[in-house]
Amino acid sequence: MKYSAYARATAIAGAIGTLAGLLLWAAQAADERTPRLIIAAIFALPLLPALIGLLRHRVYTAAWAAMLAVCYLGYALAEHLAAGGSPGLWLTLIASSLLFAGSALYCRLRAREGTAHKPT
């Protein structure tokens, strides 16, 4: 198995974990649960095309998923510093870190393996 497959699997696990972490964090709020869940669901929508692209082995999607992961990581870190940590927030921090590392490594390793772009 090539190393890029491990990186892709890490990115997929990070995307799924970030989705779950965002929804779990929003569900843990004691008051006004419904508006917060709607906002978290809308905030999680860009992860769905990233997840689909990673499942289809798209290098381009992995590249922009790495940039998207930085946004989620920054948001979760700012929320952690402002309001304290909850299990959903910790899951979002860890999973978005995995998404970033896996996506960035997948692009790099796939290019090194020489399978990133084959002329048709």
PDB file of N, CA and C in Angstrom:
ATOM      1  N   MET A   1       0.847  -1.180   0.000  1.00  0.00           N
ATOM      2  CA  MET A   1       0.000   0.000   0.000  1.00  0.00           C
ATOM      3  C   MET A   1       0.891   1.242   0.000  1.00  0.00           C
ATOM      4  N   LYS A   2       0.512   2.193  -0.829  1.00  0.00           N
ATOM      5  CA  LYS A   2       1.305   3.409  -0.938  1.00  0.00           C
ATOM      6  C   LYS A   2       1.027   4.323   0.244  1.00  0.00           C
ATOM      7  N   TYR A   3       1.999   5.173   0.534  1.00  0.00           N
ATOM      8  CA  TYR A   3       1.864   6.095   1.662  1.00  0.00           C
ATOM      9  C   TYR A   3       0.737   7.099   1.444  1.00  0.00           C
ATOM     10  N   SER A   4       0.485   7.438   0.187  1.00  0.00           N
ATOM     11  CA  SER A   4      -0.589   8.398  -0.082  1.00  0.00           C
ATOM     12  C   SER A   4      -1.943   7.836   0.324  1.00  0.00           C
ATOM     13  N   ALA A   5      -2.106   6.536   0.290  1.00  0.00           N
ATOM     14  CA  ALA A   5      -3.376   5.929   0.709  1.00  0.00           C
ATOM     15  C   ALA A   5      -3.585   6.113   2.213  1.00  0.00           C
ATOM     16  N   TYR A   6      -2.516   6.026   2.981  1.00  0.00           N
ATOM     17  CA  TYR A   6      -2.625   6.268   4.426  1.00  0.00           C
ATOM     18  C   TYR A   6      -2.968   7.730   4.713  1.00  0.00           C
ATOM     19  N   ALA A   7      -2.351   8.631   3.954  1.00  0.00           N
ATOM     20  CA  ALA A   7      -2.638  10.052   4.137  1.00  0.00           C
ATOM     21  C   ALA A   7      -4.084  10.358   3.758  1.00  0.00           C
ATOM     22  N   ARG A   8      -4.567   9.737   2.687  1.00  0.00           N
ATOM     23  CA  ARG A   8      -5.956   9.947   2.274  1.00  0.00           C
ATOM     24  C   ARG A   8      -6.921   9.412   3.318  1.00  0.00           C
ATOM     25  N   ALA A   9      -6.608   8.253   3.886  1.00  0.00           N
ATOM     26  CA  ALA A   9      -7.449   7.684   4.940  1.00  0.00           C
ATOM     27  C   ALA A   9      -7.471   8.594   6.170  1.00  0.00           C
ATOM     28  N   THR A  10      -6.336   9.195   6.489  1.00  0.00           N
ATOM     29  CA  THR A  10      -6.275  10.143   7.603  1.00  0.00           C
ATOM     30  C   THR A  10      -7.134  11.368   7.313  1.00  0.00           C
ATOM     31  N   ALA A  11      -7.077  11.867   6.090  1.00  0.00           N
ATOM     32  CA  ALA A  11      -7.882  13.027   5.713  1.00  0.00           C
ATOM     33  C   ALA A  11      -9.378  12.700   5.760  1.00  0.00           C
ATOM     34  N   ILE A  12      -9.756  11.517   5.317  1.00  0.00           N
ATOM     35  CA  ILE A  12     -11.161  11.115   5.353  1.00  0.00           C
ATOM     36  C   ILE A  12     -11.635  11.006   6.798  1.00  0.00           C
ATOM     37  N   ALA A  13     -10.822  10.392   7.643  1.00  0.00           N
ATOM     38  CA  ALA A  13     -11.183  10.292   9.062  1.00  0.00           C
ATOM     39  C   ALA A  13     -11.287  11.680   9.691  1.00  0.00           C
ATOM     40  N   GLY A  14     -10.406  12.586   9.306  1.00  0.00           N
ATOM     41  CA  GLY A  14     -10.460  13.952   9.817  1.00  0.00           C
ATOM     42  C   GLY A  14     -11.706  14.694   9.363  1.00  0.00           C
ATOM     43  N   ALA A  15     -12.117  14.488   8.114  1.00  0.00           N
ATOM     44  CA  ALA A  15     -13.323  15.154   7.606  1.00  0.00           C
ATOM     45  C   ALA A  15     -14.568  14.645   8.328  1.00  0.00           C
ATOM     46  N   ILE A  16     -14.657  13.338   8.509  1.00  0.00           N
ATOM     47  CA  ILE A  16     -15.807  12.766   9.211  1.00  0.00           C
ATOM     48  C   ILE A  16     -15.807  13.209  10.673  1.00  0.00           C
ATOM     49  N   GLY A  17     -14.637  13.226  11.293  1.00  0.00           N
ATOM     50  CA  GLY A  17     -14.539  13.669  12.677  1.00  0.00           C
ATOM     51  C   GLY A  17     -14.871  15.139  12.858  1.00  0.00           C
ATOM     52  N   THR A  18     -14.479  15.969  11.892  1.00  0.00           N
ATOM     53  CA  THR A  18     -14.797  17.391  11.970  1.00  0.00           C
ATOM     54  C   THR A  18     -16.303  17.615  11.835  1.00  0.00           C
ATOM     55  N   LEU A  19     -16.929  16.894  10.919  1.00  0.00           N
ATOM     56  CA  LEU A  19     -18.386  16.969  10.791  1.00  0.00           C
ATOM     57  C   LEU A  19     -19.067  16.572  12.093  1.00  0.00           C
ATOM     58  N   ALA A  20     -18.653  15.450  12.648  1.00  0.00           N
ATOM     59  CA  ALA A  20     -19.259  14.974  13.899  1.00  0.00           C
ATOM     60  C   ALA A  20     -18.975  15.925  15.051  1.00  0.00           C
ATOM     61  N   GLY A  21     -17.769  16.452  15.117  1.00  0.00           N
ATOM     62  CA  GLY A  21     -17.405  17.366  16.189  1.00  0.00           C
ATOM     63  C   GLY A  21     -18.205  18.657  16.160  1.00  0.00           C
ATOM     64  N   LEU A  22     -18.412  19.208  14.959  1.00  0.00           N
ATOM     65  CA  LEU A  22     -19.201  20.433  14.844  1.00  0.00           C
ATOM     66  C   LEU A  22     -20.637  20.213  15.305  1.00  0.00           C
ATOM     67  N   LEU A  23     -21.228  19.115  14.874  1.00  0.00           N
ATOM     68  CA  LEU A  23     -22.612  18.843  15.255  1.00  0.00           C
ATOM     69  C   LEU A  23     -22.726  18.492  16.733  1.00  0.00           C
ATOM     70  N   LEU A  24     -21.744  17.771  17.269  1.00  0.00           N
ATOM     71  CA  LEU A  24     -21.750  17.446  18.690  1.00  0.00           C
ATOM     72  C   LEU A  24     -21.567  18.696  19.536  1.00  0.00           C
ATOM     73  N   TRP A  25     -20.682  19.569  19.119  1.00  0.00           N
ATOM     74  CA  TRP A  25     -20.453  20.813  19.855  1.00  0.00           C
ATOM     75  C   TRP A  25     -21.718  21.663  19.875  1.00  0.00           C
ATOM     76  N   ALA A  26     -22.404  21.749  18.742  1.00  0.00           N
ATOM     77  CA  ALA A  26     -23.635  22.544  18.684  1.00  0.00           C
ATOM     78  C   ALA A  26     -24.752  21.899  19.495  1.00  0.00           C
ATOM     79  N   ALA A  27     -24.797  20.591  19.548  1.00  0.00           N
ATOM     80  CA  ALA A  27     -25.853  19.894  20.286  1.00  0.00           C
ATOM     81  C   ALA A  27     -25.642  19.989  21.796  1.00  0.00           C
ATOM     82  N   GLN A  28     -24.435  20.252  22.245  1.00  0.00           N
ATOM     83  CA  GLN A  28     -24.144  20.321  23.670  1.00  0.00           C
ATOM     84  C   GLN A  28     -24.536  21.649  24.302  1.00  0.00           C
ATOM     85  N   ALA A  29     -24.927  22.607  23.492  1.00  0.00           N
ATOM     86  CA  ALA A  29     -25.330  23.909  24.039  1.00  0.00           C
ATOM     87  C   ALA A  29     -26.636  23.747  24.816  1.00  0.00           C
ATOM     88  N   ALA A  30     -26.691  24.325  25.975  1.00  0.00           N
ATOM     89  CA  ALA A  30     -27.851  24.147  26.850  1.00  0.00           C
ATOM     90  C   ALA A  30     -29.063  24.941  26.380  1.00  0.00           C
ATOM     91  N   ASP A  31     -28.849  26.133  25.890  1.00  0.00           N
ATOM     92  CA  ASP A  31     -29.985  26.976  25.491  1.00  0.00           C
ATOM     93  C   ASP A  31     -29.956  27.233  23.983  1.00  0.00           C
ATOM     94  N   GLU A  32     -31.106  27.461  23.420  1.00  0.00           N
ATOM     95  CA  GLU A  32     -31.257  27.761  22.005  1.00  0.00           C
ATOM     96  C   GLU A  32     -30.582  26.711  21.130  1.00  0.00           C
ATOM     97  N   ARG A  33     -30.944  25.469  21.319  1.00  0.00           N
ATOM     98  CA  ARG A  33     -30.302  24.368  20.613  1.00  0.00           C
ATOM     99  C   ARG A  33     -30.580  24.402  19.106  1.00  0.00           C
ATOM    100  N   THR A  34     -31.794  24.688  18.704  1.00  0.00           N
ATOM    101  CA  THR A  34     -32.154  24.602  17.287  1.00  0.00           C
ATOM    102  C   THR A  34     -31.396  25.593  16.411  1.00  0.00           C
ATOM    103  N   PRO A  35     -31.335  26.897  16.740  1.00  0.00           N
ATOM    104  CA  PRO A  35     -30.578  27.808  15.863  1.00  0.00           C
ATOM    105  C   PRO A  35     -29.091  27.464  15.803  1.00  0.00           C
ATOM    106  N   ARG A  36     -28.538  27.016  16.899  1.00  0.00           N
ATOM    107  CA  ARG A  36     -27.118  26.672  16.910  1.00  0.00           C
ATOM    108  C   ARG A  36     -26.842  25.435  16.061  1.00  0.00           C
ATOM    109  N   LEU A  37     -27.747  24.463  16.072  1.00  0.00           N
ATOM    110  CA  LEU A  37     -27.588  23.278  15.228  1.00  0.00           C
ATOM    111  C   LEU A  37     -27.699  23.636  13.748  1.00  0.00           C
ATOM    112  N   ILE A  38     -28.595  24.552  13.424  1.00  0.00           N
ATOM    113  CA  ILE A  38     -28.732  24.972  12.027  1.00  0.00           C
ATOM    114  C   ILE A  38     -27.459  25.671  11.560  1.00  0.00           C
ATOM    115  N   ILE A  39     -26.914  26.538  12.388  1.00  0.00           N
ATOM    116  CA  ILE A  39     -25.669  27.232  12.037  1.00  0.00           C
ATOM    117  C   ILE A  39     -24.522  26.235  11.896  1.00  0.00           C
ATOM    118  N   ALA A  40     -24.434  25.265  12.802  1.00  0.00           N
ATOM    119  CA  ALA A  40     -23.374  24.262  12.715  1.00  0.00           C
ATOM    120  C   ALA A  40     -23.535  23.403  11.467  1.00  0.00           C
ATOM    121  N   ALA A  41     -24.758  23.069  11.109  1.00  0.00           N
ATOM    122  CA  ALA A  41     -24.989  22.276   9.900  1.00  0.00           C
ATOM    123  C   ALA A  41     -24.593  23.054   8.649  1.00  0.00           C
ATOM    124  N   ILE A  42     -24.918  24.347   8.613  1.00  0.00           N
ATOM    125  CA  ILE A  42     -24.523  25.182   7.470  1.00  0.00           C
ATOM    126  C   ILE A  42     -23.007  25.340   7.428  1.00  0.00           C
ATOM    127  N   PHE A  43     -22.404  25.475   8.595  1.00  0.00           N
ATOM    128  CA  PHE A  43     -20.951  25.609   8.690  1.00  0.00           C
ATOM    129  C   PHE A  43     -20.244  24.323   8.256  1.00  0.00           C
ATOM    130  N   ALA A  44     -20.915  23.180   8.417  1.00  0.00           N
ATOM    131  CA  ALA A  44     -20.322  21.896   8.054  1.00  0.00           C
ATOM    132  C   ALA A  44     -20.533  21.539   6.584  1.00  0.00           C
ATOM    133  N   LEU A  45     -21.384  22.260   5.874  1.00  0.00           N
ATOM    134  CA  LEU A  45     -21.674  21.933   4.479  1.00  0.00           C
ATOM    135  C   LEU A  45     -20.455  21.896   3.558  1.00  0.00           C
ATOM    136  N   PRO A  46     -19.480  22.801   3.659  1.00  0.00           N
ATOM    137  CA  PRO A  46     -18.322  22.713   2.766  1.00  0.00           C
ATOM    138  C   PRO A  46     -17.496  21.434   2.945  1.00  0.00           C
ATOM    139  N   LEU A  47     -17.670  20.757   4.057  1.00  0.00           N
ATOM    140  CA  LEU A  47     -16.926  19.517   4.254  1.00  0.00           C
ATOM    141  C   LEU A  47     -17.465  18.372   3.406  1.00  0.00           C
ATOM    142  N   LEU A  48     -18.722  18.438   3.015  1.00  0.00           N
ATOM    143  CA  LEU A  48     -19.301  17.346   2.231  1.00  0.00           C
ATOM    144  C   LEU A  48     -18.650  17.197   0.853  1.00  0.00           C
ATOM    145  N   PRO A  49     -18.479  18.273   0.058  1.00  0.00           N
ATOM    146  CA  PRO A  49     -17.756  18.105  -1.206  1.00  0.00           C
ATOM    147  C   PRO A  49     -16.297  17.682  -0.994  1.00  0.00           C
ATOM    148  N   ALA A  50     -15.696  18.151   0.074  1.00  0.00           N
ATOM    149  CA  ALA A  50     -14.319  17.737   0.363  1.00  0.00           C
ATOM    150  C   ALA A  50     -14.257  16.243   0.647  1.00  0.00           C
ATOM    151  N   LEU A  51     -15.203  15.758   1.423  1.00  0.00           N
ATOM    152  CA  LEU A  51     -15.244  14.332   1.742  1.00  0.00           C
ATOM    153  C   LEU A  51     -15.497  13.491   0.494  1.00  0.00           C
ATOM    154  N   ILE A  52     -16.413  13.939  -0.360  1.00  0.00           N
ATOM    155  CA  ILE A  52     -16.701  13.212  -1.600  1.00  0.00           C
ATOM    156  C   ILE A  52     -15.474  13.197  -2.508  1.00  0.00           C
ATOM    157  N   GLY A  53     -14.788  14.329  -2.619  1.00  0.00           N
ATOM    158  CA  GLY A  53     -13.577  14.382  -3.441  1.00  0.00           C
ATOM    159  C   GLY A  53     -12.462  13.500  -2.901  1.00  0.00           C
ATOM    160  N   LEU A  54     -12.320  13.449  -1.592  1.00  0.00           N
ATOM    161  CA  LEU A  54     -11.304  12.566  -1.003  1.00  0.00           C
ATOM    162  C   LEU A  54     -11.646  11.102  -1.246  1.00  0.00           C
ATOM    163  N   LEU A  55     -12.926  10.780  -1.178  1.00  0.00           N
ATOM    164  CA  LEU A  55     -13.331   9.405  -1.449  1.00  0.00           C
ATOM    165  C   LEU A  55     -13.101   9.018  -2.905  1.00  0.00           C
ATOM    166  N   ARG A  56     -13.105  10.002  -3.801  1.00  0.00           N
ATOM    167  CA  ARG A  56     -12.870   9.755  -5.230  1.00  0.00           C
ATOM    168  C   ARG A  56     -11.404   9.929  -5.631  1.00  0.00           C
ATOM    169  N   HIS A  57     -10.518  10.090  -4.677  1.00  0.00           N
ATOM    170  CA  HIS A  57      -9.066  10.207  -4.913  1.00  0.00           C
ATOM    171  C   HIS A  57      -8.701  11.468  -5.697  1.00  0.00           C
ATOM    172  N   ARG A  58      -9.393  12.562  -5.505  1.00  0.00           N
ATOM    173  CA  ARG A  58      -9.116  13.804  -6.217  1.00  0.00           C
ATOM    174  C   ARG A  58      -8.042  14.603  -5.477  1.00  0.00           C
ATOM    175  N   VAL A  59      -6.936  14.835  -6.154  1.00  0.00           N
ATOM    176  CA  VAL A  59      -5.825  15.571  -5.552  1.00  0.00           C
ATOM    177  C   VAL A  59      -6.190  17.045  -5.385  1.00  0.00           C
ATOM    178  N   TYR A  60      -6.888  17.598  -6.368  1.00  0.00           N
ATOM    179  CA  TYR A  60      -7.271  19.004  -6.297  1.00  0.00           C
ATOM    180  C   TYR A  60      -8.182  19.262  -5.099  1.00  0.00           C
ATOM    181  N   THR A  61      -9.109  18.353  -4.868  1.00  0.00           N
ATOM    182  CA  THR A  61     -10.019  18.503  -3.729  1.00  0.00           C
ATOM    183  C   THR A  61      -9.253  18.404  -2.418  1.00  0.00           C
ATOM    184  N   ALA A  62      -8.289  17.523  -2.358  1.00  0.00           N
ATOM    185  CA  ALA A  62      -7.479  17.397  -1.143  1.00  0.00           C
ATOM    186  C   ALA A  62      -6.696  18.674  -0.881  1.00  0.00           C
ATOM    187  N   ALA A  63      -6.256  19.334  -1.947  1.00  0.00           N
ATOM    188  CA  ALA A  63      -5.491  20.575  -1.771  1.00  0.00           C
ATOM    189  C   ALA A  63      -6.354  21.670  -1.159  1.00  0.00           C
ATOM    190  N   TRP A  64      -7.579  21.855  -1.663  1.00  0.00           N
ATOM    191  CA  TRP A  64      -8.398  22.909  -1.056  1.00  0.00           C
ATOM    192  C   TRP A  64      -9.011  22.464   0.257  1.00  0.00           C
ATOM    193  N   ALA A  65      -9.117  21.154   0.492  1.00  0.00           N
ATOM    194  CA  ALA A  65      -9.598  20.677   1.793  1.00  0.00           C
ATOM    195  C   ALA A  65      -8.583  21.011   2.887  1.00  0.00           C
ATOM    196  N   ALA A  66      -7.307  21.028   2.535  1.00  0.00           N
ATOM    197  CA  ALA A  66      -6.279  21.415   3.507  1.00  0.00           C
ATOM    198  C   ALA A  66      -6.451  22.879   3.909  1.00  0.00           C
ATOM    199  N   MET A  67      -6.767  23.722   2.929  1.00  0.00           N
ATOM    200  CA  MET A  67      -6.998  25.137   3.257  1.00  0.00           C
ATOM    201  C   MET A  67      -8.290  25.317   4.055  1.00  0.00           C
ATOM    202  N   LEU A  68      -9.285  24.529   3.741  1.00  0.00           N
ATOM    203  CA  LEU A  68     -10.545  24.576   4.477  1.00  0.00           C
ATOM    204  C   LEU A  68     -10.352  24.112   5.918  1.00  0.00           C
ATOM    205  N   ALA A  69      -9.500  23.128   6.112  1.00  0.00           N
ATOM    206  CA  ALA A  69      -9.230  22.608   7.455  1.00  0.00           C
ATOM    207  C   ALA A  69      -8.610  23.674   8.348  1.00  0.00           C
ATOM    208  N   VAL A  70      -7.813  24.563   7.763  1.00  0.00           N
ATOM    209  CA  VAL A  70      -7.209  25.644   8.548  1.00  0.00           C
ATOM    210  C   VAL A  70      -8.297  26.568   9.099  1.00  0.00           C
ATOM    211  N   CYS A  71      -9.336  26.806   8.303  1.00  0.00           N
ATOM    212  CA  CYS A  71     -10.452  27.647   8.788  1.00  0.00           C
ATOM    213  C   CYS A  71     -11.155  26.984   9.966  1.00  0.00           C
ATOM    214  N   TYR A  72     -11.436  25.694   9.861  1.00  0.00           N
ATOM    215  CA  TYR A  72     -12.093  24.986  10.957  1.00  0.00           C
ATOM    216  C   TYR A  72     -11.199  24.917  12.193  1.00  0.00           C
ATOM    217  N   LEU A  73      -9.923  24.719  11.969  1.00  0.00           N
ATOM    218  CA  LEU A  73      -8.979  24.666  13.072  1.00  0.00           C
ATOM    219  C   LEU A  73      -8.897  26.018  13.786  1.00  0.00           C
ATOM    220  N   GLY A  74      -8.835  27.089  13.032  1.00  0.00           N
ATOM    221  CA  GLY A  74      -8.799  28.424  13.628  1.00  0.00           C
ATOM    222  C   GLY A  74     -10.074  28.751  14.378  1.00  0.00           C
ATOM    223  N   TYR A  75     -11.216  28.379  13.802  1.00  0.00           N
ATOM    224  CA  TYR A  75     -12.492  28.628  14.469  1.00  0.00           C
ATOM    225  C   TYR A  75     -12.586  27.850  15.776  1.00  0.00           C
ATOM    226  N   ALA A  76     -12.215  26.574  15.747  1.00  0.00           N
ATOM    227  CA  ALA A  76     -12.299  25.752  16.958  1.00  0.00           C
ATOM    228  C   ALA A  76     -11.319  26.240  18.023  1.00  0.00           C
ATOM    229  N   LEU A  77     -10.150  26.660  17.608  1.00  0.00           N
ATOM    230  CA  LEU A  77      -9.167  27.164  18.576  1.00  0.00           C
ATOM    231  C   LEU A  77      -9.643  28.478  19.204  1.00  0.00           C
ATOM    232  N   ALA A  78     -10.202  29.368  18.398  1.00  0.00           N
ATOM    233  CA  ALA A  78     -10.723  30.633  18.939  1.00  0.00           C
ATOM    234  C   ALA A  78     -11.887  30.372  19.891  1.00  0.00           C
ATOM    235  N   GLU A  79     -12.755  29.454  19.539  1.00  0.00           N
ATOM    236  CA  GLU A  79     -13.888  29.127  20.413  1.00  0.00           C
ATOM    237  C   GLU A  79     -13.411  28.479  21.708  1.00  0.00           C
ATOM    238  N   HIS A  80     -12.380  27.662  21.619  1.00  0.00           N
ATOM    239  CA  HIS A  80     -11.809  27.030  22.818  1.00  0.00           C
ATOM    240  C   HIS A  80     -11.209  28.081  23.747  1.00  0.00           C
ATOM    241  N   LEU A  81     -10.486  29.031  23.189  1.00  0.00           N
ATOM    242  CA  LEU A  81      -9.880  30.068  24.012  1.00  0.00           C
ATOM    243  C   LEU A  81     -10.919  31.016  24.606  1.00  0.00           C
ATOM    244  N   ALA A  82     -11.996  31.263  23.874  1.00  0.00           N
ATOM    245  CA  ALA A  82     -13.009  32.201  24.343  1.00  0.00           C
ATOM    246  C   ALA A  82     -13.975  31.580  25.345  1.00  0.00           C
ATOM    247  N   ALA A  83     -14.404  30.351  25.093  1.00  0.00           N
ATOM    248  CA  ALA A  83     -15.481  29.774  25.904  1.00  0.00           C
ATOM    249  C   ALA A  83     -15.069  28.524  26.671  1.00  0.00           C
ATOM    250  N   GLY A  84     -13.891  28.041  26.473  1.00  0.00           N
ATOM    251  CA  GLY A  84     -13.493  26.805  27.149  1.00  0.00           C
ATOM    252  C   GLY A  84     -13.789  25.594  26.291  1.00  0.00           C
ATOM    253  N   GLY A  85     -13.220  24.476  26.677  1.00  0.00           N
ATOM    254  CA  GLY A  85     -13.336  23.277  25.864  1.00  0.00           C
ATOM    255  C   GLY A  85     -14.498  22.396  26.251  1.00  0.00           C
ATOM    256  N   SER A  86     -15.138  21.835  25.252  1.00  0.00           N
ATOM    257  CA  SER A  86     -16.158  20.829  25.437  1.00  0.00           C
ATOM    258  C   SER A  86     -15.732  19.618  24.609  1.00  0.00           C
ATOM    259  N   PRO A  87     -16.315  18.452  24.844  1.00  0.00           N
ATOM    260  CA  PRO A  87     -15.903  17.281  24.054  1.00  0.00           C
ATOM    261  C   PRO A  87     -16.084  17.466  22.551  1.00  0.00           C
ATOM    262  N   GLY A  88     -17.161  18.119  22.142  1.00  0.00           N
ATOM    263  CA  GLY A  88     -17.364  18.359  20.723  1.00  0.00           C
ATOM    264  C   GLY A  88     -16.317  19.290  20.139  1.00  0.00           C
ATOM    265  N   LEU A  89     -15.913  20.274  20.920  1.00  0.00           N
ATOM    266  CA  LEU A  89     -14.897  21.220  20.465  1.00  0.00           C
ATOM    267  C   LEU A  89     -13.530  20.551  20.375  1.00  0.00           C
ATOM    268  N   TRP A  90     -13.220  19.709  21.340  1.00  0.00           N
ATOM    269  CA  TRP A  90     -11.963  18.964  21.286  1.00  0.00           C
ATOM    270  C   TRP A  90     -11.931  18.030  20.080  1.00  0.00           C
ATOM    271  N   LEU A  91     -13.057  17.371  19.802  1.00  0.00           N
ATOM    272  CA  LEU A  91     -13.141  16.497  18.637  1.00  0.00           C
ATOM    273  C   LEU A  91     -12.936  17.294  17.357  1.00  0.00           C
ATOM    274  N   THR A  92     -13.508  18.478  17.297  1.00  0.00           N
ATOM    275  CA  THR A  92     -13.339  19.329  16.115  1.00  0.00           C
ATOM    276  C   THR A  92     -11.884  19.757  15.961  1.00  0.00           C
ATOM    277  N   LEU A  93     -11.231  20.121  17.062  1.00  0.00           N
ATOM    278  CA  LEU A  93      -9.811  20.512  16.996  1.00  0.00           C
ATOM    279  C   LEU A  93      -8.930  19.369  16.497  1.00  0.00           C
ATOM    280  N   ILE A  94      -9.107  18.208  17.067  1.00  0.00           N
ATOM    281  CA  ILE A  94      -8.272  17.062  16.701  1.00  0.00           C
ATOM    282  C   ILE A  94      -8.563  16.600  15.280  1.00  0.00           C
ATOM    283  N   ALA A  95      -9.851  16.517  14.944  1.00  0.00           N
ATOM    284  CA  ALA A  95     -10.219  16.032  13.617  1.00  0.00           C
ATOM    285  C   ALA A  95      -9.819  17.006  12.518  1.00  0.00           C
ATOM    286  N   SER A  96      -9.955  18.302  12.754  1.00  0.00           N
ATOM    287  CA  SER A  96      -9.537  19.252  11.728  1.00  0.00           C
ATOM    288  C   SER A  96      -8.015  19.256  11.564  1.00  0.00           C
ATOM    289  N   SER A  97      -7.292  18.958  12.626  1.00  0.00           N
ATOM    290  CA  SER A  97      -5.840  18.800  12.501  1.00  0.00           C
ATOM    291  C   SER A  97      -5.500  17.581  11.643  1.00  0.00           C
ATOM    292  N   LEU A  98      -6.240  16.491  11.852  1.00  0.00           N
ATOM    293  CA  LEU A  98      -6.042  15.298  11.020  1.00  0.00           C
ATOM    294  C   LEU A  98      -6.408  15.572   9.569  1.00  0.00           C
ATOM    295  N   LEU A  99      -7.483  16.318   9.359  1.00  0.00           N
ATOM    296  CA  LEU A  99      -7.888  16.663   7.995  1.00  0.00           C
ATOM    297  C   LEU A  99      -6.807  17.486   7.306  1.00  0.00           C
ATOM    298  N   PHE A 100      -6.247  18.452   8.006  1.00  0.00           N
ATOM    299  CA  PHE A 100      -5.194  19.271   7.410  1.00  0.00           C
ATOM    300  C   PHE A 100      -3.959  18.432   7.081  1.00  0.00           C
ATOM    301  N   ALA A 101      -3.495  17.675   8.073  1.00  0.00           N
ATOM    302  CA  ALA A 101      -2.271  16.886   7.854  1.00  0.00           C
ATOM    303  C   ALA A 101      -2.473  15.846   6.762  1.00  0.00           C
ATOM    304  N   GLY A 102      -3.593  15.140   6.807  1.00  0.00           N
ATOM    305  CA  GLY A 102      -3.844  14.108   5.802  1.00  0.00           C
ATOM    306  C   GLY A 102      -3.997  14.675   4.408  1.00  0.00           C
ATOM    307  N   SER A 103      -4.698  15.785   4.271  1.00  0.00           N
ATOM    308  CA  SER A 103      -4.900  16.385   2.949  1.00  0.00           C
ATOM    309  C   SER A 103      -3.598  16.931   2.380  1.00  0.00           C
ATOM    310  N   ALA A 104      -2.838  17.614   3.200  1.00  0.00           N
ATOM    311  CA  ALA A 104      -1.566  18.172   2.720  1.00  0.00           C
ATOM    312  C   ALA A 104      -0.583  17.067   2.343  1.00  0.00           C
ATOM    313  N   LEU A 105      -0.525  16.037   3.171  1.00  0.00           N
ATOM    314  CA  LEU A 105       0.387  14.928   2.866  1.00  0.00           C
ATOM    315  C   LEU A 105      -0.075  14.129   1.654  1.00  0.00           C
ATOM    316  N   TYR A 106      -1.373  13.982   1.490  1.00  0.00           N
ATOM    317  CA  TYR A 106      -1.880  13.237   0.336  1.00  0.00           C
ATOM    318  C   TYR A 106      -1.454  13.896  -0.967  1.00  0.00           C
ATOM    319  N   CYS A 107      -1.584  15.205  -1.059  1.00  0.00           N
ATOM    320  CA  CYS A 107      -1.164  15.910  -2.276  1.00  0.00           C
ATOM    321  C   CYS A 107       0.325  15.725  -2.532  1.00  0.00           C
ATOM    322  N   ARG A 108       1.105  15.891  -1.502  1.00  0.00           N
ATOM    323  CA  ARG A 108       2.562  15.808  -1.654  1.00  0.00           C
ATOM    324  C   ARG A 108       3.015  14.393  -1.991  1.00  0.00           C
ATOM    325  N   LEU A 109       2.485  13.408  -1.278  1.00  0.00           N
ATOM    326  CA  LEU A 109       2.897  12.029  -1.515  1.00  0.00           C
ATOM    327  C   LEU A 109       2.414  11.523  -2.861  1.00  0.00           C
ATOM    328  N   ARG A 110       1.230  11.930  -3.248  1.00  0.00           N
ATOM    329  CA  ARG A 110       0.704  11.502  -4.544  1.00  0.00           C
ATOM    330  C   ARG A 110       1.550  12.067  -5.676  1.00  0.00           C
ATOM    331  N   ALA A 111       2.033  13.298  -5.522  1.00  0.00           N
ATOM    332  CA  ALA A 111       2.906  13.895  -6.538  1.00  0.00           C
ATOM    333  C   ALA A 111       4.251  13.178  -6.580  1.00  0.00           C
ATOM    334  N   ARG A 112       4.757  12.802  -5.423  1.00  0.00           N
ATOM    335  CA  ARG A 112       6.034  12.074  -5.383  1.00  0.00           C
ATOM    336  C   ARG A 112       5.922  10.689  -5.997  1.00  0.00           C
ATOM    337  N   GLU A 113       4.764  10.078  -5.832  1.00  0.00           N
ATOM    338  CA  GLU A 113       4.575   8.742  -6.390  1.00  0.00           C
ATOM    339  C   GLU A 113       4.382   8.778  -7.904  1.00  0.00           C
ATOM    340  N   GLY A 114       4.182   9.974  -8.448  1.00  0.00           N
ATOM    341  CA  GLY A 114       4.069  10.106  -9.895  1.00  0.00           C
ATOM    342  C   GLY A 114       2.709   9.759 -10.437  1.00  0.00           C
ATOM    343  N   THR A 115       1.703   9.719  -9.593  1.00  0.00           N
ATOM    344  CA  THR A 115       0.369   9.361 -10.056  1.00  0.00           C
ATOM    345  C   THR A 115      -0.589  10.529  -9.958  1.00  0.00           C
ATOM    346  N   ALA A 116      -0.092  11.726  -9.719  1.00  0.00           N
ATOM    347  CA  ALA A 116      -0.970  12.868  -9.523  1.00  0.00           C
ATOM    348  C   ALA A 116      -1.629  13.295 -10.839  1.00  0.00           C
ATOM    349  N   HIS A 117      -0.899  13.281 -11.898  1.00  0.00           N
ATOM    350  CA  HIS A 117      -1.460  13.721 -13.168  1.00  0.00           C
ATOM    351  C   HIS A 117      -0.933  12.827 -14.272  1.00  0.00           C
ATOM    352  N   LYS A 118      -1.838  12.077 -14.880  1.00  0.00           N
ATOM    353  CA  LYS A 118      -1.456  11.255 -16.017  1.00  0.00           C
ATOM    354  C   LYS A 118      -2.138  11.812 -17.261  1.00  0.00           C
ATOM    355  N   PRO A 119      -1.370  12.079 -18.281  1.00  0.00           N
ATOM    356  CA  PRO A 119      -1.991  12.597 -19.502  1.00  0.00           C
ATOM    357  C   PRO A 119      -2.910  11.548 -20.116  1.00  0.00           C
ATOM    358  N   THR A 120      -4.023  12.026 -20.670  1.00  0.00           N
ATOM    359  CA  THR A 120      -4.957  11.079 -21.287  1.00  0.00           C
ATOM    360  C   THR A 120      -4.913  11.152 -22.781  1.00  0.00           C
TER     361      THR A 120
END
